[in-house]
C-alpha atoms as a PDB file:
ATOM      1  CA  MET A   1    -114.155 -23.572 128.360  1.00  0.00           C
ATOM      2  CA  ALA A   2    -115.099 -21.534 125.307  1.00  0.00           C
ATOM      3  CA  GLU A   3    -112.438 -19.428 123.632  1.00  0.00           C
ATOM      4  CA  ILE A   4    -112.963 -15.691 123.276  1.00  0.00           C
ATOM      5  CA  SER A   5    -111.435 -13.204 120.893  1.00  0.00           C
ATOM      6  CA  PHE A   6    -109.112 -10.404 121.918  1.00  0.00           C
ATOM      7  CA  ASP A   7    -111.938  -7.980 121.077  1.00  0.00           C
ATOM      8  CA  ASP A   8    -114.153  -9.826 123.593  1.00  0.00           C
ATOM      9  CA  PHE A   9    -111.447  -9.464 126.248  1.00  0.00           C
ATOM     10  CA  MET A  10    -111.134  -5.739 125.548  1.00  0.00           C
ATOM     11  CA  LYS A  11    -114.835  -5.280 126.373  1.00  0.00           C
ATOM     12  CA  VAL A  12    -114.059  -6.079 130.020  1.00  0.00           C
ATOM     13  CA  ASP A  13    -112.752  -2.921 131.713  1.00  0.00           C
ATOM     14  CA  ILE A  14    -110.518  -4.014 134.604  1.00  0.00           C
ATOM     15  CA  ARG A  15    -108.898  -1.200 136.584  1.00  0.00           C
ATOM     16  CA  VAL A  16    -106.738  -0.746 139.653  1.00  0.00           C
ATOM     17  CA  GLY A  17    -108.323   1.132 142.527  1.00  0.00           C
ATOM     18  CA  VAL A  18    -107.622   1.814 146.167  1.00  0.00           C
ATOM     19  CA  ILE A  19    -110.057   0.889 148.923  1.00  0.00           C
ATOM     20  CA  THR A  20    -111.027   4.069 150.755  1.00  0.00           C
ATOM     21  CA  LYS A  21    -113.546   2.604 153.195  1.00  0.00           C
ATOM     22  CA  ALA A  22    -114.701  -0.833 154.368  1.00  0.00           C
ATOM     23  CA  GLU A  23    -117.642  -1.737 156.594  1.00  0.00           C
ATOM     24  CA  PRO A  24    -119.149  -4.991 157.824  1.00  0.00           C
ATOM     25  CA  TYR A  25    -122.228  -6.109 155.889  1.00  0.00           C
ATOM     26  CA  PRO A  26    -124.177  -8.163 158.437  1.00  0.00           C
ATOM     27  CA  GLU A  27    -127.324  -8.238 156.247  1.00  0.00           C
ATOM     28  CA  ALA A  28    -125.557 -10.219 153.492  1.00  0.00           C
ATOM     29  CA  ARG A  29    -126.513 -13.885 153.070  1.00  0.00           C
ATOM     30  CA  LYS A  30    -122.843 -14.932 153.203  1.00  0.00           C
ATOM     31  CA  PRO A  31    -120.264 -13.063 155.323  1.00  0.00           C
ATOM     32  CA  ALA A  32    -119.218  -9.956 153.384  1.00  0.00           C
ATOM     33  CA  PHE A  33    -117.906  -6.417 153.602  1.00  0.00           C
ATOM     34  CA  LYS A  34    -119.102  -3.242 151.922  1.00  0.00           C
ATOM     35  CA  LEU A  35    -116.206  -1.603 150.066  1.00  0.00           C
ATOM     36  CA  TRP A  36    -115.705   1.859 148.585  1.00  0.00           C
ATOM     37  CA  VAL A  37    -112.964   1.885 145.935  1.00  0.00           C
ATOM     38  CA  ASP A  38    -111.424   4.999 144.353  1.00  0.00           C
ATOM     39  CA  PHE A  39    -110.399   4.704 140.695  1.00  0.00           C
ATOM     40  CA  GLY A  40    -109.144   8.273 140.287  1.00  0.00           C
ATOM     41  CA  PRO A  41    -110.640  11.333 138.579  1.00  0.00           C
ATOM     42  CA  GLU A  42    -111.893   9.551 135.443  1.00  0.00           C
ATOM     43  CA  LEU A  43    -114.127   7.008 137.241  1.00  0.00           C
ATOM     44  CA  GLY A  44    -114.270   8.272 140.824  1.00  0.00           C
ATOM     45  CA  GLU A  45    -115.351   6.160 143.764  1.00  0.00           C
ATOM     46  CA  ARG A  46    -117.460   3.029 143.292  1.00  0.00           C
ATOM     47  CA  LYS A  47    -119.033   0.567 145.750  1.00  0.00           C
ATOM     48  CA  SER A  48    -118.890  -3.195 145.994  1.00  0.00           C
ATOM     49  CA  SER A  49    -119.949  -6.017 148.262  1.00  0.00           C
ATOM     50  CA  ALA A  50    -117.176  -8.583 148.713  1.00  0.00           C
ATOM     51  CA  GLN A  51    -117.088 -11.975 150.439  1.00  0.00           C
ATOM     52  CA  ILE A  52    -113.525 -11.550 151.714  1.00  0.00           C
ATOM     53  CA  THR A  53    -114.026 -11.903 155.481  1.00  0.00           C
ATOM     54  CA  LYS A  54    -111.741 -14.936 155.954  1.00  0.00           C
ATOM     55  CA  HIS A  55    -108.488 -13.213 154.961  1.00  0.00           C
ATOM     56  CA  TYR A  56    -109.213  -9.522 155.612  1.00  0.00           C
ATOM     57  CA  THR A  57    -110.593  -7.181 158.271  1.00  0.00           C
ATOM     58  CA  VAL A  58    -112.342  -3.852 157.734  1.00  0.00           C
ATOM     59  CA  GLU A  59    -109.472  -2.163 159.586  1.00  0.00           C
ATOM     60  CA  GLU A  60    -106.749  -3.398 157.209  1.00  0.00           C
ATOM     61  CA  LEU A  61    -108.557  -2.840 153.890  1.00  0.00           C
ATOM     62  CA  PRO A  62    -108.467   0.980 153.529  1.00  0.00           C
ATOM     63  CA  GLY A  63    -105.389   1.929 151.492  1.00  0.00           C
ATOM     64  CA  LYS A  64    -105.137  -1.501 149.805  1.00  0.00           C
ATOM     65  CA  LYS A  65    -104.966  -1.519 146.005  1.00  0.00           C
ATOM     66  CA  VAL A  66    -107.249  -3.988 144.212  1.00  0.00           C
ATOM     67  CA  MET A  67    -108.252  -4.947 140.695  1.00  0.00           C
ATOM     68  CA  ALA A  68    -111.919  -4.670 139.707  1.00  0.00           C
ATOM     69  CA  VAL A  69    -114.243  -4.907 136.722  1.00  0.00           C
ATOM     70  CA  VAL A  70    -115.739  -1.427 136.428  1.00  0.00           C
ATOM     71  CA  ASN A  71    -118.112  -1.772 133.458  1.00  0.00           C
ATOM     72  CA  PHE A  72    -120.703  -4.231 134.764  1.00  0.00           C
ATOM     73  CA  PRO A  73    -124.162  -2.758 135.376  1.00  0.00           C
ATOM     74  CA  PRO A  74    -124.902  -2.005 139.058  1.00  0.00           C
ATOM     75  CA  ARG A  75    -126.353  -4.957 140.976  1.00  0.00           C
ATOM     76  CA  GLN A  76    -128.507  -4.878 144.088  1.00  0.00           C
ATOM     77  CA  ILE A  77    -126.938  -7.062 146.814  1.00  0.00           C
ATOM     78  CA  GLY A  78    -129.490  -7.008 149.608  1.00  0.00           C
ATOM     79  CA  LYS A  79    -129.912  -3.367 150.611  1.00  0.00           C
ATOM     80  CA  PHE A  80    -126.573  -2.374 149.039  1.00  0.00           C
ATOM     81  CA  MET A  81    -125.985  -1.397 145.392  1.00  0.00           C
ATOM     82  CA  SER A  82    -122.779  -2.993 144.090  1.00  0.00           C
ATOM     83  CA  GLU A  83    -121.278  -1.023 141.181  1.00  0.00           C
ATOM     84  CA  ILE A  84    -118.075  -2.996 140.513  1.00  0.00           C
ATOM     85  CA  LEU A  85    -116.723  -6.523 140.834  1.00  0.00           C
ATOM     86  CA  VAL A  86    -113.579  -6.649 142.952  1.00  0.00           C
ATOM     87  CA  LEU A  87    -111.454  -9.533 141.678  1.00  0.00           C
ATOM     88  CA  GLY A  88    -109.954 -12.382 143.658  1.00  0.00           C
ATOM     89  CA  VAL A  89    -108.918 -16.003 143.379  1.00  0.00           C
ATOM     90  CA  PRO A  90    -109.682 -18.927 145.691  1.00  0.00           C
ATOM     91  CA  ASP A  91    -107.103 -20.273 148.115  1.00  0.00           C
ATOM     92  CA  LYS A  92    -106.866 -24.015 148.926  1.00  0.00           C
ATOM     93  CA  ASP A  93    -109.974 -23.693 151.137  1.00  0.00           C
ATOM     94  CA  ASP A  94    -111.949 -21.834 148.421  1.00  0.00           C
ATOM     95  CA  GLU A  95    -111.703 -18.522 150.312  1.00  0.00           C
ATOM     96  CA  VAL A  96    -111.160 -15.319 148.304  1.00  0.00           C
ATOM     97  CA  VAL A  97    -107.712 -13.732 148.050  1.00  0.00           C
ATOM     98  CA  LEU A  98    -107.828 -10.299 146.411  1.00  0.00           C
ATOM     99  CA  LEU A  99    -105.933  -9.559 143.197  1.00  0.00           C
ATOM    100  CA  ALA A 100    -103.622  -6.550 143.331  1.00  0.00           C
ATOM    101  CA  PRO A 101    -100.654  -5.197 141.374  1.00  0.00           C
ATOM    102  CA  ASP A 102     -97.300  -6.245 142.814  1.00  0.00           C
ATOM    103  CA  LYS A 103     -95.681  -2.852 142.085  1.00  0.00           C
ATOM    104  CA  ASP A 104     -96.816   0.700 142.841  1.00  0.00           C
ATOM    105  CA  VAL A 105     -99.064   1.817 139.969  1.00  0.00           C
ATOM    106  CA  PRO A 106    -101.405   4.801 139.647  1.00  0.00           C
ATOM    107  CA  ILE A 107    -105.054   4.198 140.472  1.00  0.00           C
ATOM    108  CA  GLY A 108    -107.391   4.064 137.506  1.00  0.00           C
ATOM    109  CA  GLY A 109    -104.897   2.168 135.337  1.00  0.00           C
ATOM    110  CA  ARG A 110    -106.520  -0.319 132.966  1.00  0.00           C
ATOM    111  CA  LEU A 111    -105.410  -3.934 132.760  1.00  0.00           C
ATOM    112  CA  TYR A 112    -103.989  -4.910 129.376  1.00  0.00           C
END
């Protein structure tokens, strides 16, 4: 894996947000949900498509804090425009587990 500089790392804007709404996304090629994530007054609400159906339901996601990259350009995922990349790591079965702060932090906070 190539090394990057600290300046390269600082170009990636990773923030904490709270999921405000989640819906099934049956049109996606792989099972996914549509997510709306609030990052506070500076960034507002952004949308994402996330392949997190193995560990989460649309009913349990609203109110959950997550980490996301907020400075990627929007990307068309089927009929849905994804504006952020919600971050996760694979479990032993290669299914996504969302990344979230382990303490209560304000939404919009930047990872450093």
